[in-house]
C-alpha atoms as a PDB file:
ATOM      1  CA  MET A   1    -170.505-134.147 103.870  1.00  0.00           C
ATOM      2  CA  LEU A   2    -167.762-135.004 106.268  1.00  0.00           C
ATOM      3  CA  THR A   3    -168.131-131.715 108.139  1.00  0.00           C
ATOM      4  CA  ASP A   4    -171.855-132.384 108.650  1.00  0.00           C
ATOM      5  CA  GLU A   5    -171.098-135.817 110.102  1.00  0.00           C
ATOM      6  CA  ALA A   6    -168.427-134.392 112.421  1.00  0.00           C
ATOM      7  CA  SER A   7    -170.804-131.668 113.583  1.00  0.00           C
ATOM      8  CA  SER A   8    -173.567-134.207 114.224  1.00  0.00           C
ATOM      9  CA  LEU A   9    -171.193-136.408 116.205  1.00  0.00           C
ATOM     10  CA  LEU A  10    -170.053-133.474 118.356  1.00  0.00           C
ATOM     11  CA  ALA A  11    -173.674-132.518 119.027  1.00  0.00           C
ATOM     12  CA  ARG A  12    -174.533-136.081 120.107  1.00  0.00           C
ATOM     13  CA  MET A  13    -171.522-136.222 122.432  1.00  0.00           C
ATOM     14  CA  ALA A  14    -172.553-132.896 124.009  1.00  0.00           C
ATOM     15  CA  PHE A  15    -176.104-134.178 124.434  1.00  0.00           C
ATOM     16  CA  HIS A  16    -174.949-137.353 126.176  1.00  0.00           C
ATOM     17  CA  HIS A  17    -172.602-135.388 128.418  1.00  0.00           C
ATOM     18  CA  ALA A  18    -175.437-133.068 129.478  1.00  0.00           C
ATOM     19  CA  TRP A  19    -177.720-136.044 130.065  1.00  0.00           C
ATOM     20  CA  LEU A  20    -175.106-137.710 132.252  1.00  0.00           C
ATOM     21  CA  GLN A  21    -174.661-134.492 134.234  1.00  0.00           C
ATOM     22  CA  ILE A  22    -178.382-134.640 135.042  1.00  0.00           C
ATOM     23  CA  GLU A  23    -178.893-138.381 135.507  1.00  0.00           C
ATOM     24  CA  ALA A  24    -175.504-139.721 136.670  1.00  0.00           C
ATOM     25  CA  SER A  25    -173.223-136.870 137.679  1.00  0.00           C
ATOM     26  CA  LYS A  26    -170.458-139.230 138.842  1.00  0.00           C
ATOM     27  CA  VAL A  27    -170.181-140.553 135.281  1.00  0.00           C
ATOM     28  CA  ALA A  28    -170.219-137.157 133.556  1.00  0.00           C
ATOM     29  CA  GLU A  29    -166.569-136.325 134.247  1.00  0.00           C
ATOM     30  CA  PRO A  30    -165.139-139.671 133.064  1.00  0.00           C
ATOM     31  CA  TYR A  31    -167.322-139.350 129.948  1.00  0.00           C
ATOM     32  CA  ALA A  32    -166.040-135.802 129.349  1.00  0.00           C
ATOM     33  CA  ALA A  33    -162.462-137.084 129.710  1.00  0.00           C
ATOM     34  CA  LEU A  34    -163.192-139.819 127.148  1.00  0.00           C
ATOM     35  CA  VAL A  35    -164.612-137.281 124.692  1.00  0.00           C
ATOM     36  CA  ALA A  36    -161.635-134.965 125.195  1.00  0.00           C
ATOM     37  CA  ALA A  37    -159.126-137.773 124.636  1.00  0.00           C
ATOM     38  CA  ALA A  38    -160.923-139.015 121.523  1.00  0.00           C
ATOM     39  CA  ARG A  39    -161.222-135.504 120.083  1.00  0.00           C
ATOM     40  CA  SER A  40    -157.562-134.808 120.767  1.00  0.00           C
ATOM     41  CA  GLU A  41    -156.381-137.999 119.103  1.00  0.00           C
ATOM     42  CA  ALA A  42    -158.781-137.696 116.175  1.00  0.00           C
ATOM     43  CA  GLY A  43    -157.886-134.062 115.626  1.00  0.00           C
ATOM     44  CA  VAL A  44    -154.223-134.902 115.134  1.00  0.00           C
ATOM     45  CA  HIS A  45    -155.067-137.633 112.636  1.00  0.00           C
ATOM     46  CA  MET A  46    -157.535-135.457 110.731  1.00  0.00           C
ATOM     47  CA  SER A  47    -154.992-132.650 110.455  1.00  0.00           C
ATOM     48  CA  GLU A  48    -152.389-135.075 109.139  1.00  0.00           C
ATOM     49  CA  ALA A  49    -154.885-136.505 106.631  1.00  0.00           C
ATOM     50  CA  TRP A  50    -155.688-133.076 105.179  1.00  0.00           C
ATOM     51  CA  GLN A  51    -151.986-132.525 104.501  1.00  0.00           C
ATOM     52  CA  GLN A  52    -151.642-135.696 102.415  1.00  0.00           C
ATOM     53  CA  PRO A  53    -151.909-135.806  98.630  1.00  0.00           C
ATOM     54  CA  THR A  54    -155.350-136.531  97.190  1.00  0.00           C
ATOM     55  CA  ILE A  55    -156.164-140.237  96.960  1.00  0.00           C
ATOM     56  CA  ASP A  56    -157.136-141.234  93.435  1.00  0.00           C
ATOM     57  CA  THR A  57    -157.196-145.036  93.578  1.00  0.00           C
ATOM     58  CA  ASP A  58    -159.188-147.592  95.526  1.00  0.00           C
ATOM     59  CA  SER A  59    -156.020-149.133  96.945  1.00  0.00           C
ATOM     60  CA  GLY A  60    -154.985-145.715  98.222  1.00  0.00           C
ATOM     61  CA  MET A  61    -157.933-145.816 100.635  1.00  0.00           C
ATOM     62  CA  ASN A  62    -156.360-148.610 102.683  1.00  0.00           C
ATOM     63  CA  LEU A  63    -155.295-147.289 106.060  1.00  0.00           C
ATOM     64  CA  GLY A  64    -152.322-149.610 106.360  1.00  0.00           C
ATOM     65  CA  ASN A  65    -151.606-149.167 110.056  1.00  0.00           C
ATOM     66  CA  ALA A  66    -154.256-148.298 112.604  1.00  0.00           C
ATOM     67  CA  TYR A  67    -153.936-144.941 114.315  1.00  0.00           C
ATOM     68  CA  PRO A  68    -152.844-145.175 117.957  1.00  0.00           C
ATOM     69  CA  ARG A  69    -155.675-144.612 120.452  1.00  0.00           C
ATOM     70  CA  ASP A  70    -153.911-145.221 123.742  1.00  0.00           C
ATOM     71  CA  ARG A  71    -155.357-142.191 125.558  1.00  0.00           C
ATOM     72  CA  SER A  72    -158.920-142.729 124.391  1.00  0.00           C
ATOM     73  CA  ASN A  73    -158.742-146.475 125.115  1.00  0.00           C
ATOM     74  CA  ALA A  74    -157.606-145.731 128.675  1.00  0.00           C
ATOM     75  CA  ALA A  75    -160.283-143.054 129.092  1.00  0.00           C
ATOM     76  CA  ARG A  76    -162.928-145.444 127.735  1.00  0.00           C
ATOM     77  CA  ALA A  77    -161.930-148.099 130.281  1.00  0.00           C
ATOM     78  CA  THR A  78    -162.164-145.530 133.088  1.00  0.00           C
ATOM     79  CA  CYS A  79    -165.547-144.331 131.820  1.00  0.00           C
ATOM     80  CA  ILE A  80    -166.942-147.854 131.559  1.00  0.00           C
ATOM     81  CA  GLU A  81    -165.792-148.618 135.086  1.00  0.00           C
ATOM     82  CA  ALA A  82    -167.514-145.439 136.368  1.00  0.00           C
ATOM     83  CA  MET A  83    -170.661-146.471 134.504  1.00  0.00           C
ATOM     84  CA  ARG A  84    -170.593-149.946 136.032  1.00  0.00           C
ATOM     85  CA  ARG A  85    -170.261-148.463 139.504  1.00  0.00           C
ATOM     86  CA  ASN A  86    -172.882-145.763 139.119  1.00  0.00           C
ATOM     87  CA  LEU A  87    -175.526-146.798 136.603  1.00  0.00           C
END
């Protein structure tokens, strides 16, 4: 189910954050900021999706336009830079 996948993803992100806190503490905060930005952006899109009518055709599954990810893209760049400096 979708909720199982979301729960598994959240657990993996928490695991990696804890691991970074132990092994590379300077990377843990940028990683946490990336997770927060991604969760915030995804949460908005998931809420909007639940409010849409049920899709009943294959063509209805097409996304059309990609969802904006400006905050998570910026946070990912910051996190990668921290990883390059510290790992």
